[in-house]
Amino acid sequence: MIENFDDVVVADREWVHLEDAYLSSYQTMKHNYRKRINHIITKGIEAGEIKEINVPSTIWLLLHAINGIESWHRSKTQIPPEELEENMISILIGGMKKVN
């Protein structure tokens, strides 16, 4: 999203206009990556590495936070991309991590 912003925005907004065969393929890819994220979080919870959280809402939150990088691109107060990435990891992942 940071390095390939234009490509991501087009893919994120224009997929609804794809012809049926391409639309089906795109929706399958989207479904599969959400399943992979679900699997990673679920396994983390089972392993005690992630605290007990609602997995579907966590996926929604993570993906919307990433899509929010669009606002960063338009922001007049630019945060360096490395700092943005570190802050997102710290808040989104650090906030999920189980505290012993």
PDB file of N, CA and C in Angstrom:
ATOM      1  N   MET A   1       0.829  -1.192   0.000  1.00  0.00           N
ATOM      2  CA  MET A   1       0.000   0.000   0.000  1.00  0.00           C
ATOM      3  C   MET A   1       0.875   1.257   0.000  1.00  0.00           C
ATOM      4  N   ILE A   2       2.018   1.165   0.673  1.00  0.00           N
ATOM      5  CA  ILE A   2       2.909   2.326   0.703  1.00  0.00           C
ATOM      6  C   ILE A   2       3.658   2.464  -0.617  1.00  0.00           C
ATOM      7  N   GLU A   3       4.199   1.371  -1.121  1.00  0.00           N
ATOM      8  CA  GLU A   3       5.053   1.438  -2.306  1.00  0.00           C
ATOM      9  C   GLU A   3       4.284   1.333  -3.617  1.00  0.00           C
ATOM     10  N   ASN A   4       3.141   0.669  -3.635  1.00  0.00           N
ATOM     11  CA  ASN A   4       2.369   0.479  -4.870  1.00  0.00           C
ATOM     12  C   ASN A   4       0.963   1.050  -4.719  1.00  0.00           C
ATOM     13  N   PHE A   5       0.896   2.253  -4.190  1.00  0.00           N
ATOM     14  CA  PHE A   5      -0.373   2.875  -3.845  1.00  0.00           C
ATOM     15  C   PHE A   5      -1.365   2.916  -5.002  1.00  0.00           C
ATOM     16  N   ASP A   6      -0.941   3.416  -6.151  1.00  0.00           N
ATOM     17  CA  ASP A   6      -1.861   3.553  -7.287  1.00  0.00           C
ATOM     18  C   ASP A   6      -2.441   2.204  -7.706  1.00  0.00           C
ATOM     19  N   ASP A   7      -1.606   1.188  -7.750  1.00  0.00           N
ATOM     20  CA  ASP A   7      -2.073  -0.150  -8.127  1.00  0.00           C
ATOM     21  C   ASP A   7      -3.088  -0.680  -7.118  1.00  0.00           C
ATOM     22  N   VAL A   8      -2.802  -0.474  -5.850  1.00  0.00           N
ATOM     23  CA  VAL A   8      -3.695  -0.974  -4.802  1.00  0.00           C
ATOM     24  C   VAL A   8      -5.037  -0.259  -4.850  1.00  0.00           C
ATOM     25  N   VAL A   9      -5.019   1.052  -5.020  1.00  0.00           N
ATOM     26  CA  VAL A   9      -6.270   1.817  -5.062  1.00  0.00           C
ATOM     27  C   VAL A   9      -7.126   1.374  -6.236  1.00  0.00           C
ATOM     28  N   VAL A  10      -6.521   1.181  -7.383  1.00  0.00           N
ATOM     29  CA  VAL A  10      -7.281   0.714  -8.546  1.00  0.00           C
ATOM     30  C   VAL A  10      -7.873  -0.664  -8.262  1.00  0.00           C
ATOM     31  N   ALA A  11      -7.066  -1.566  -7.744  1.00  0.00           N
ATOM     32  CA  ALA A  11      -7.548  -2.918  -7.441  1.00  0.00           C
ATOM     33  C   ALA A  11      -8.640  -2.883  -6.391  1.00  0.00           C
ATOM     34  N   ASP A  12      -8.488  -2.008  -5.404  1.00  0.00           N
ATOM     35  CA  ASP A  12      -9.443  -1.949  -4.303  1.00  0.00           C
ATOM     36  C   ASP A  12     -10.782  -1.351  -4.717  1.00  0.00           C
ATOM     37  N   ARG A  13     -10.762  -0.450  -5.682  1.00  0.00           N
ATOM     38  CA  ARG A  13     -11.996   0.252  -6.055  1.00  0.00           C
ATOM     39  C   ARG A  13     -12.628  -0.233  -7.353  1.00  0.00           C
ATOM     40  N   GLU A  14     -11.825  -0.735  -8.242  1.00  0.00           N
ATOM     41  CA  GLU A  14     -12.334  -1.029  -9.579  1.00  0.00           C
ATOM     42  C   GLU A  14     -12.685  -2.492  -9.811  1.00  0.00           C
ATOM     43  N   TRP A  15     -12.436  -3.356  -8.846  1.00  0.00           N
ATOM     44  CA  TRP A  15     -12.701  -4.785  -9.032  1.00  0.00           C
ATOM     45  C   TRP A  15     -14.170  -5.059  -9.316  1.00  0.00           C
ATOM     46  N   VAL A  16     -15.065  -4.218  -8.833  1.00  0.00           N
ATOM     47  CA  VAL A  16     -16.502  -4.445  -9.035  1.00  0.00           C
ATOM     48  C   VAL A  16     -16.897  -4.355 -10.507  1.00  0.00           C
ATOM     49  N   HIS A  17     -16.039  -3.771 -11.326  1.00  0.00           N
ATOM     50  CA  HIS A  17     -16.332  -3.612 -12.752  1.00  0.00           C
ATOM     51  C   HIS A  17     -15.745  -4.730 -13.614  1.00  0.00           C
ATOM     52  N   LEU A  18     -15.120  -5.709 -12.974  1.00  0.00           N
ATOM     53  CA  LEU A  18     -14.524  -6.809 -13.732  1.00  0.00           C
ATOM     54  C   LEU A  18     -15.606  -7.674 -14.375  1.00  0.00           C
ATOM     55  N   GLU A  19     -15.252  -8.290 -15.499  1.00  0.00           N
ATOM     56  CA  GLU A  19     -16.152  -9.253 -16.135  1.00  0.00           C
ATOM     57  C   GLU A  19     -16.239 -10.484 -15.239  1.00  0.00           C
ATOM     58  N   ASP A  20     -17.293 -11.263 -15.412  1.00  0.00           N
ATOM     59  CA  ASP A  20     -17.616 -12.362 -14.503  1.00  0.00           C
ATOM     60  C   ASP A  20     -16.454 -13.298 -14.171  1.00  0.00           C
ATOM     61  N   ALA A  21     -15.722 -13.771 -15.162  1.00  0.00           N
ATOM     62  CA  ALA A  21     -14.635 -14.716 -14.906  1.00  0.00           C
ATOM     63  C   ALA A  21     -13.552 -14.067 -14.040  1.00  0.00           C
ATOM     64  N   TYR A  22     -13.196 -12.829 -14.340  1.00  0.00           N
ATOM     65  CA  TYR A  22     -12.181 -12.129 -13.563  1.00  0.00           C
ATOM     66  C   TYR A  22     -12.714 -11.748 -12.186  1.00  0.00           C
ATOM     67  N   LEU A  23     -13.974 -11.379 -12.124  1.00  0.00           N
ATOM     68  CA  LEU A  23     -14.599 -11.022 -10.854  1.00  0.00           C
ATOM     69  C   LEU A  23     -14.597 -12.213  -9.903  1.00  0.00           C
ATOM     70  N   SER A  24     -14.965 -13.356 -10.414  1.00  0.00           N
ATOM     71  CA  SER A  24     -14.976 -14.568  -9.603  1.00  0.00           C
ATOM     72  C   SER A  24     -13.574 -14.896  -9.091  1.00  0.00           C
ATOM     73  N   SER A  25     -12.579 -14.764  -9.949  1.00  0.00           N
ATOM     74  CA  SER A  25     -11.192 -15.033  -9.572  1.00  0.00           C
ATOM     75  C   SER A  25     -10.736 -14.053  -8.493  1.00  0.00           C
ATOM     76  N   TYR A  26     -11.058 -12.782  -8.651  1.00  0.00           N
ATOM     77  CA  TYR A  26     -10.679 -11.768  -7.672  1.00  0.00           C
ATOM     78  C   TYR A  26     -11.339 -12.049  -6.328  1.00  0.00           C
ATOM     79  N   GLN A  27     -12.619 -12.381  -6.353  1.00  0.00           N
ATOM     80  CA  GLN A  27     -13.333 -12.663  -5.108  1.00  0.00           C
ATOM     81  C   GLN A  27     -12.769 -13.906  -4.413  1.00  0.00           C
ATOM     82  N   THR A  28     -12.361 -14.886  -5.185  1.00  0.00           N
ATOM     83  CA  THR A  28     -11.751 -16.091  -4.614  1.00  0.00           C
ATOM     84  C   THR A  28     -10.416 -15.739  -3.957  1.00  0.00           C
ATOM     85  N   MET A  29      -9.593 -14.931  -4.623  1.00  0.00           N
ATOM     86  CA  MET A  29      -8.315 -14.521  -4.034  1.00  0.00           C
ATOM     87  C   MET A  29      -8.541 -13.738  -2.745  1.00  0.00           C
ATOM     88  N   LYS A  30      -9.517 -12.841  -2.762  1.00  0.00           N
ATOM     89  CA  LYS A  30      -9.839 -12.034  -1.586  1.00  0.00           C
ATOM     90  C   LYS A  30     -10.295 -12.936  -0.438  1.00  0.00           C
ATOM     91  N   HIS A  31     -11.152 -13.881  -0.729  1.00  0.00           N
ATOM     92  CA  HIS A  31     -11.637 -14.833   0.274  1.00  0.00           C
ATOM     93  C   HIS A  31     -10.477 -15.650   0.835  1.00  0.00           C
ATOM     94  N   ASN A  32      -9.571 -16.097  -0.038  1.00  0.00           N
ATOM     95  CA  ASN A  32      -8.443 -16.930   0.390  1.00  0.00           C
ATOM     96  C   ASN A  32      -7.467 -16.176   1.286  1.00  0.00           C
ATOM     97  N   TYR A  33      -7.175 -14.906   0.975  1.00  0.00           N
ATOM     98  CA  TYR A  33      -6.224 -14.213   1.852  1.00  0.00           C
ATOM     99  C   TYR A  33      -6.861 -13.894   3.190  1.00  0.00           C
ATOM    100  N   ARG A  34      -8.162 -13.660   3.213  1.00  0.00           N
ATOM    101  CA  ARG A  34      -8.840 -13.465   4.510  1.00  0.00           C
ATOM    102  C   ARG A  34      -8.823 -14.762   5.323  1.00  0.00           C
ATOM    103  N   LYS A  35      -8.982 -15.897   4.647  1.00  0.00           N
ATOM    104  CA  LYS A  35      -8.898 -17.194   5.341  1.00  0.00           C
ATOM    105  C   LYS A  35      -7.501 -17.407   5.913  1.00  0.00           C
ATOM    106  N   ARG A  36      -6.464 -17.023   5.155  1.00  0.00           N
ATOM    107  CA  ARG A  36      -5.091 -17.177   5.637  1.00  0.00           C
ATOM    108  C   ARG A  36      -4.839 -16.305   6.866  1.00  0.00           C
ATOM    109  N   ILE A  37      -5.344 -15.092   6.839  1.00  0.00           N
ATOM    110  CA  ILE A  37      -5.195 -14.211   8.004  1.00  0.00           C
ATOM    111  C   ILE A  37      -5.941 -14.811   9.197  1.00  0.00           C
ATOM    112  N   ASN A  38      -7.139 -15.320   8.953  1.00  0.00           N
ATOM    113  CA  ASN A  38      -7.928 -15.964  10.004  1.00  0.00           C
ATOM    114  C   ASN A  38      -7.139 -17.117  10.612  1.00  0.00           C
ATOM    115  N   HIS A  39      -6.533 -17.926   9.768  1.00  0.00           N
ATOM    116  CA  HIS A  39      -5.760 -19.079  10.226  1.00  0.00           C
ATOM    117  C   HIS A  39      -4.573 -18.637  11.091  1.00  0.00           C
ATOM    118  N   ILE A  40      -3.859 -17.616  10.653  1.00  0.00           N
ATOM    119  CA  ILE A  40      -2.696 -17.123  11.399  1.00  0.00           C
ATOM    120  C   ILE A  40      -3.114 -16.632  12.784  1.00  0.00           C
ATOM    121  N   ILE A  41      -4.181 -15.841  12.839  1.00  0.00           N
ATOM    122  CA  ILE A  41      -4.634 -15.307  14.129  1.00  0.00           C
ATOM    123  C   ILE A  41      -5.158 -16.426  15.016  1.00  0.00           C
ATOM    124  N   THR A  42      -5.939 -17.331  14.449  1.00  0.00           N
ATOM    125  CA  THR A  42      -6.487 -18.445  15.232  1.00  0.00           C
ATOM    126  C   THR A  42      -5.373 -19.299  15.812  1.00  0.00           C
ATOM    127  N   LYS A  43      -4.372 -19.629  15.002  1.00  0.00           N
ATOM    128  CA  LYS A  43      -3.240 -20.423  15.491  1.00  0.00           C
ATOM    129  C   LYS A  43      -2.474 -19.661  16.576  1.00  0.00           C
ATOM    130  N   GLY A  44      -2.350 -18.354  16.432  1.00  0.00           N
ATOM    131  CA  GLY A  44      -1.685 -17.543  17.450  1.00  0.00           C
ATOM    132  C   GLY A  44      -2.432 -17.564  18.773  1.00  0.00           C
ATOM    133  N   ILE A  45      -3.750 -17.545  18.701  1.00  0.00           N
ATOM    134  CA  ILE A  45      -4.563 -17.634  19.915  1.00  0.00           C
ATOM    135  C   ILE A  45      -4.385 -19.007  20.555  1.00  0.00           C
ATOM    136  N   GLU A  46      -4.461 -20.050  19.728  1.00  0.00           N
ATOM    137  CA  GLU A  46      -4.307 -21.420  20.237  1.00  0.00           C
ATOM    138  C   GLU A  46      -2.934 -21.644  20.874  1.00  0.00           C
ATOM    139  N   ALA A  47      -1.907 -20.993  20.330  1.00  0.00           N
ATOM    140  CA  ALA A  47      -0.549 -21.149  20.844  1.00  0.00           C
ATOM    141  C   ALA A  47      -0.281 -20.235  22.045  1.00  0.00           C
ATOM    142  N   GLY A  48      -1.250 -19.396  22.395  1.00  0.00           N
ATOM    143  CA  GLY A  48      -1.068 -18.483  23.516  1.00  0.00           C
ATOM    144  C   GLY A  48      -0.222 -17.272  23.185  1.00  0.00           C
ATOM    145  N   GLU A  49       0.005 -17.021  21.898  1.00  0.00           N
ATOM    146  CA  GLU A  49       0.813 -15.886  21.471  1.00  0.00           C
ATOM    147  C   GLU A  49      -0.037 -14.640  21.244  1.00  0.00           C
ATOM    148  N   ILE A  50      -1.322 -14.853  21.033  1.00  0.00           N
ATOM    149  CA  ILE A  50      -2.272 -13.761  20.833  1.00  0.00           C
ATOM    150  C   ILE A  50      -3.372 -13.942  21.856  1.00  0.00           C
ATOM    151  N   LYS A  51      -3.769 -12.832  22.459  1.00  0.00           N
ATOM    152  CA  LYS A  51      -4.813 -12.929  23.463  1.00  0.00           C
ATOM    153  C   LYS A  51      -6.148 -13.290  22.812  1.00  0.00           C
ATOM    154  N   GLU A  52      -7.092 -13.732  23.622  1.00  0.00           N
ATOM    155  CA  GLU A  52      -8.425 -14.106  23.131  1.00  0.00           C
ATOM    156  C   GLU A  52      -9.112 -12.871  22.549  1.00  0.00           C
ATOM    157  N   ILE A  53      -9.348 -12.904  21.255  1.00  0.00           N
ATOM    158  CA  ILE A  53     -10.003 -11.800  20.559  1.00  0.00           C
ATOM    159  C   ILE A  53     -10.991 -12.373  19.560  1.00  0.00           C
ATOM    160  N   ASN A  54     -11.901 -11.531  19.097  1.00  0.00           N
ATOM    161  CA  ASN A  54     -12.841 -11.926  18.060  1.00  0.00           C
ATOM    162  C   ASN A  54     -12.107 -11.855  16.724  1.00  0.00           C
ATOM    163  N   VAL A  55     -11.877 -12.998  16.115  1.00  0.00           N
ATOM    164  CA  VAL A  55     -11.041 -13.068  14.911  1.00  0.00           C
ATOM    165  C   VAL A  55     -11.653 -12.309  13.723  1.00  0.00           C
ATOM    166  N   PRO A  56     -12.942 -12.512  13.380  1.00  0.00           N
ATOM    167  CA  PRO A  56     -13.477 -11.772  12.226  1.00  0.00           C
ATOM    168  C   PRO A  56     -13.390 -10.251  12.380  1.00  0.00           C
ATOM    169  N   SER A  57     -13.667  -9.732  13.568  1.00  0.00           N
ATOM    170  CA  SER A  57     -13.583  -8.278  13.733  1.00  0.00           C
ATOM    171  C   SER A  57     -12.130  -7.810  13.699  1.00  0.00           C
ATOM    172  N   THR A  58     -11.204  -8.653  14.139  1.00  0.00           N
ATOM    173  CA  THR A  58      -9.783  -8.309  14.086  1.00  0.00           C
ATOM    174  C   THR A  58      -9.315  -8.222  12.633  1.00  0.00           C
ATOM    175  N   ILE A  59      -9.745  -9.169  11.819  1.00  0.00           N
ATOM    176  CA  ILE A  59      -9.394  -9.141  10.395  1.00  0.00           C
ATOM    177  C   ILE A  59      -9.930  -7.874   9.748  1.00  0.00           C
ATOM    178  N   TRP A  60     -11.172  -7.554  10.037  1.00  0.00           N
ATOM    179  CA  TRP A  60     -11.801  -6.345   9.489  1.00  0.00           C
ATOM    180  C   TRP A  60     -10.991  -5.117   9.888  1.00  0.00           C
ATOM    181  N   LEU A  61     -10.620  -5.034  11.162  1.00  0.00           N
ATOM    182  CA  LEU A  61      -9.867  -3.892  11.669  1.00  0.00           C
ATOM    183  C   LEU A  61      -8.502  -3.778  10.994  1.00  0.00           C
ATOM    184  N   LEU A  62      -7.791  -4.889  10.903  1.00  0.00           N
ATOM    185  CA  LEU A  62      -6.470  -4.879  10.273  1.00  0.00           C
ATOM    186  C   LEU A  62      -6.541  -4.424   8.816  1.00  0.00           C
ATOM    187  N   LEU A  63      -7.481  -4.994   8.065  1.00  0.00           N
ATOM    188  CA  LEU A  63      -7.572  -4.650   6.646  1.00  0.00           C
ATOM    189  C   LEU A  63      -8.004  -3.200   6.442  1.00  0.00           C
ATOM    190  N   HIS A  64      -8.888  -2.708   7.271  1.00  0.00           N
ATOM    191  CA  HIS A  64      -9.303  -1.309   7.143  1.00  0.00           C
ATOM    192  C   HIS A  64      -8.188  -0.355   7.556  1.00  0.00           C
ATOM    193  N   ALA A  65      -7.390  -0.748   8.531  1.00  0.00           N
ATOM    194  CA  ALA A  65      -6.244   0.083   8.916  1.00  0.00           C
ATOM    195  C   ALA A  65      -5.259   0.182   7.756  1.00  0.00           C
ATOM    196  N   ILE A  66      -5.022  -0.937   7.100  1.00  0.00           N
ATOM    197  CA  ILE A  66      -4.113  -0.924   5.950  1.00  0.00           C
ATOM    198  C   ILE A  66      -4.685  -0.060   4.831  1.00  0.00           C
ATOM    199  N   ASN A  67      -5.983  -0.182   4.575  1.00  0.00           N
ATOM    200  CA  ASN A  67      -6.602   0.662   3.550  1.00  0.00           C
ATOM    201  C   ASN A  67      -6.558   2.136   3.931  1.00  0.00           C
ATOM    202  N   GLY A  68      -6.457   2.424   5.224  1.00  0.00           N
ATOM    203  CA  GLY A  68      -6.361   3.803   5.682  1.00  0.00           C
ATOM    204  C   GLY A  68      -5.082   4.493   5.261  1.00  0.00           C
ATOM    205  N   ILE A  69      -4.122   3.719   4.771  1.00  0.00           N
ATOM    206  CA  ILE A  69      -2.870   4.318   4.289  1.00  0.00           C
ATOM    207  C   ILE A  69      -3.167   5.288   3.138  1.00  0.00           C
ATOM    208  N   GLU A  70      -4.301   5.117   2.497  1.00  0.00           N
ATOM    209  CA  GLU A  70      -4.703   6.067   1.448  1.00  0.00           C
ATOM    210  C   GLU A  70      -4.746   7.489   2.021  1.00  0.00           C
ATOM    211  N   SER A  71      -5.249   7.643   3.232  1.00  0.00           N
ATOM    212  CA  SER A  71      -5.282   8.960   3.879  1.00  0.00           C
ATOM    213  C   SER A  71      -3.874   9.480   4.130  1.00  0.00           C
ATOM    214  N   TRP A  72      -2.959   8.580   4.474  1.00  0.00           N
ATOM    215  CA  TRP A  72      -1.567   8.976   4.691  1.00  0.00           C
ATOM    216  C   TRP A  72      -0.981   9.569   3.411  1.00  0.00           C
ATOM    217  N   HIS A  73      -1.313   8.967   2.275  1.00  0.00           N
ATOM    218  CA  HIS A  73      -0.790   9.466   1.000  1.00  0.00           C
ATOM    219  C   HIS A  73      -1.277  10.883   0.713  1.00  0.00           C
ATOM    220  N   ARG A  74      -2.470  11.225   1.168  1.00  0.00           N
ATOM    221  CA  ARG A  74      -3.041  12.556   0.910  1.00  0.00           C
ATOM    222  C   ARG A  74      -2.724  13.560   2.010  1.00  0.00           C
ATOM    223  N   SER A  75      -2.142  13.097   3.117  1.00  0.00           N
ATOM    224  CA  SER A  75      -1.905  13.943   4.279  1.00  0.00           C
ATOM    225  C   SER A  75      -0.881  15.029   3.988  1.00  0.00           C
ATOM    226  N   LYS A  76      -1.138  16.213   4.539  1.00  0.00           N
ATOM    227  CA  LYS A  76      -0.198  17.327   4.388  1.00  0.00           C
ATOM    228  C   LYS A  76       0.969  17.194   5.357  1.00  0.00           C
ATOM    229  N   THR A  77       0.772  16.482   6.449  1.00  0.00           N
ATOM    230  CA  THR A  77       1.855  16.240   7.410  1.00  0.00           C
ATOM    231  C   THR A  77       2.355  14.819   7.198  1.00  0.00           C
ATOM    232  N   GLN A  78       3.306  14.686   6.302  1.00  0.00           N
ATOM    233  CA  GLN A  78       3.820  13.370   5.932  1.00  0.00           C
ATOM    234  C   GLN A  78       4.668  12.763   7.038  1.00  0.00           C
ATOM    235  N   ILE A  79       4.297  11.585   7.444  1.00  0.00           N
ATOM    236  CA  ILE A  79       5.101  10.768   8.339  1.00  0.00           C
ATOM    237  C   ILE A  79       5.951   9.897   7.419  1.00  0.00           C
ATOM    238  N   PRO A  80       7.236   9.752   7.707  1.00  0.00           N
ATOM    239  CA  PRO A  80       8.056   8.879   6.860  1.00  0.00           C
ATOM    240  C   PRO A  80       7.454   7.470   6.810  1.00  0.00           C
ATOM    241  N   PRO A  81       7.513   6.795   5.656  1.00  0.00           N
ATOM    242  CA  PRO A  81       6.890   5.479   5.521  1.00  0.00           C
ATOM    243  C   PRO A  81       7.394   4.467   6.548  1.00  0.00           C
ATOM    244  N   GLU A  82       8.676   4.540   6.883  1.00  0.00           N
ATOM    245  CA  GLU A  82       9.219   3.605   7.867  1.00  0.00           C
ATOM    246  C   GLU A  82       8.575   3.816   9.240  1.00  0.00           C
ATOM    247  N   GLU A  83       8.350   5.081   9.594  1.00  0.00           N
ATOM    248  CA  GLU A  83       7.718   5.400  10.880  1.00  0.00           C
ATOM    249  C   GLU A  83       6.250   4.965  10.875  1.00  0.00           C
ATOM    250  N   LEU A  84       5.568   5.194   9.773  1.00  0.00           N
ATOM    251  CA  LEU A  84       4.180   4.754   9.649  1.00  0.00           C
ATOM    252  C   LEU A  84       4.083   3.242   9.821  1.00  0.00           C
ATOM    253  N   GLU A  85       4.952   2.515   9.125  1.00  0.00           N
ATOM    254  CA  GLU A  85       4.963   1.061   9.217  1.00  0.00           C
ATOM    255  C   GLU A  85       5.225   0.597  10.648  1.00  0.00           C
ATOM    256  N   GLU A  86       6.224   1.192  11.285  1.00  0.00           N
ATOM    257  CA  GLU A  86       6.566   0.801  12.659  1.00  0.00           C
ATOM    258  C   GLU A  86       5.417   1.100  13.621  1.00  0.00           C
ATOM    259  N   ASN A  87       4.778   2.255  13.458  1.00  0.00           N
ATOM    260  CA  ASN A  87       3.638   2.604  14.311  1.00  0.00           C
ATOM    261  C   ASN A  87       2.475   1.631  14.110  1.00  0.00           C
ATOM    262  N   MET A  88       2.187   1.293  12.878  1.00  0.00           N
ATOM    263  CA  MET A  88       1.085   0.366  12.602  1.00  0.00           C
ATOM    264  C   MET A  88       1.370  -1.005  13.210  1.00  0.00           C
ATOM    265  N   ILE A  89       2.600  -1.478  13.056  1.00  0.00           N
ATOM    266  CA  ILE A  89       2.959  -2.778  13.627  1.00  0.00           C
ATOM    267  C   ILE A  89       2.851  -2.724  15.145  1.00  0.00           C
ATOM    268  N   SER A  90       3.379  -1.677  15.726  1.00  0.00           N
ATOM    269  CA  SER A  90       3.359  -1.535  17.177  1.00  0.00           C
ATOM    270  C   SER A  90       1.934  -1.509  17.716  1.00  0.00           C
ATOM    271  N   ILE A  91       1.076  -0.749  17.087  1.00  0.00           N
ATOM    272  CA  ILE A  91      -0.300  -0.593  17.577  1.00  0.00           C
ATOM    273  C   ILE A  91      -1.154  -1.806  17.243  1.00  0.00           C
ATOM    274  N   LEU A  92      -1.124  -2.230  15.992  1.00  0.00           N
ATOM    275  CA  LEU A  92      -2.019  -3.310  15.577  1.00  0.00           C
ATOM    276  C   LEU A  92      -1.569  -4.676  16.069  1.00  0.00           C
ATOM    277  N   ILE A  93      -0.298  -4.966  15.982  1.00  0.00           N
ATOM    278  CA  ILE A  93       0.195  -6.270  16.411  1.00  0.00           C
ATOM    279  C   ILE A  93       0.506  -6.255  17.903  1.00  0.00           C
ATOM    280  N   GLY A  94       1.201  -5.234  18.362  1.00  0.00           N
ATOM    281  CA  GLY A  94       1.511  -5.131  19.777  1.00  0.00           C
ATOM    282  C   GLY A  94       0.256  -5.098  20.641  1.00  0.00           C
ATOM    283  N   GLY A  95      -0.790  -4.488  20.125  1.00  0.00           N
ATOM    284  CA  GLY A  95      -2.043  -4.427  20.872  1.00  0.00           C
ATOM    285  C   GLY A  95      -2.752  -5.766  20.935  1.00  0.00           C
ATOM    286  N   MET A  96      -2.414  -6.679  20.058  1.00  0.00           N
ATOM    287  CA  MET A  96      -3.032  -8.014  20.038  1.00  0.00           C
ATOM    288  C   MET A  96      -2.235  -9.005  20.857  1.00  0.00           C
ATOM    289  N   LYS A  97      -0.973  -8.717  21.074  1.00  0.00           N
ATOM    290  CA  LYS A  97      -0.085  -9.669  21.719  1.00  0.00           C
ATOM    291  C   LYS A  97      -0.513  -9.924  23.163  1.00  0.00           C
ATOM    292  N   LYS A  98      -0.492 -11.164  23.544  1.00  0.00           N
ATOM    293  CA  LYS A  98      -0.861 -11.556  24.898  1.00  0.00           C
ATOM    294  C   LYS A  98       0.207 -11.099  25.878  1.00  0.00           C
ATOM    295  N   VAL A  99      -0.221 -10.451  26.950  1.00  0.00           N
ATOM    296  CA  VAL A  99       0.697 -10.004  27.989  1.00  0.00           C
ATOM    297  C   VAL A  99       0.716 -11.065  29.078  1.00  0.00           C
ATOM    298  N   ASN A 100       1.887 -11.544  29.408  1.00  0.00           N
ATOM    299  CA  ASN A 100       2.010 -12.599  30.442  1.00  0.00           C
ATOM    300  C   ASN A 100       2.090 -12.007  31.826  1.00  0.00           C
TER     301      ASN A 100
END
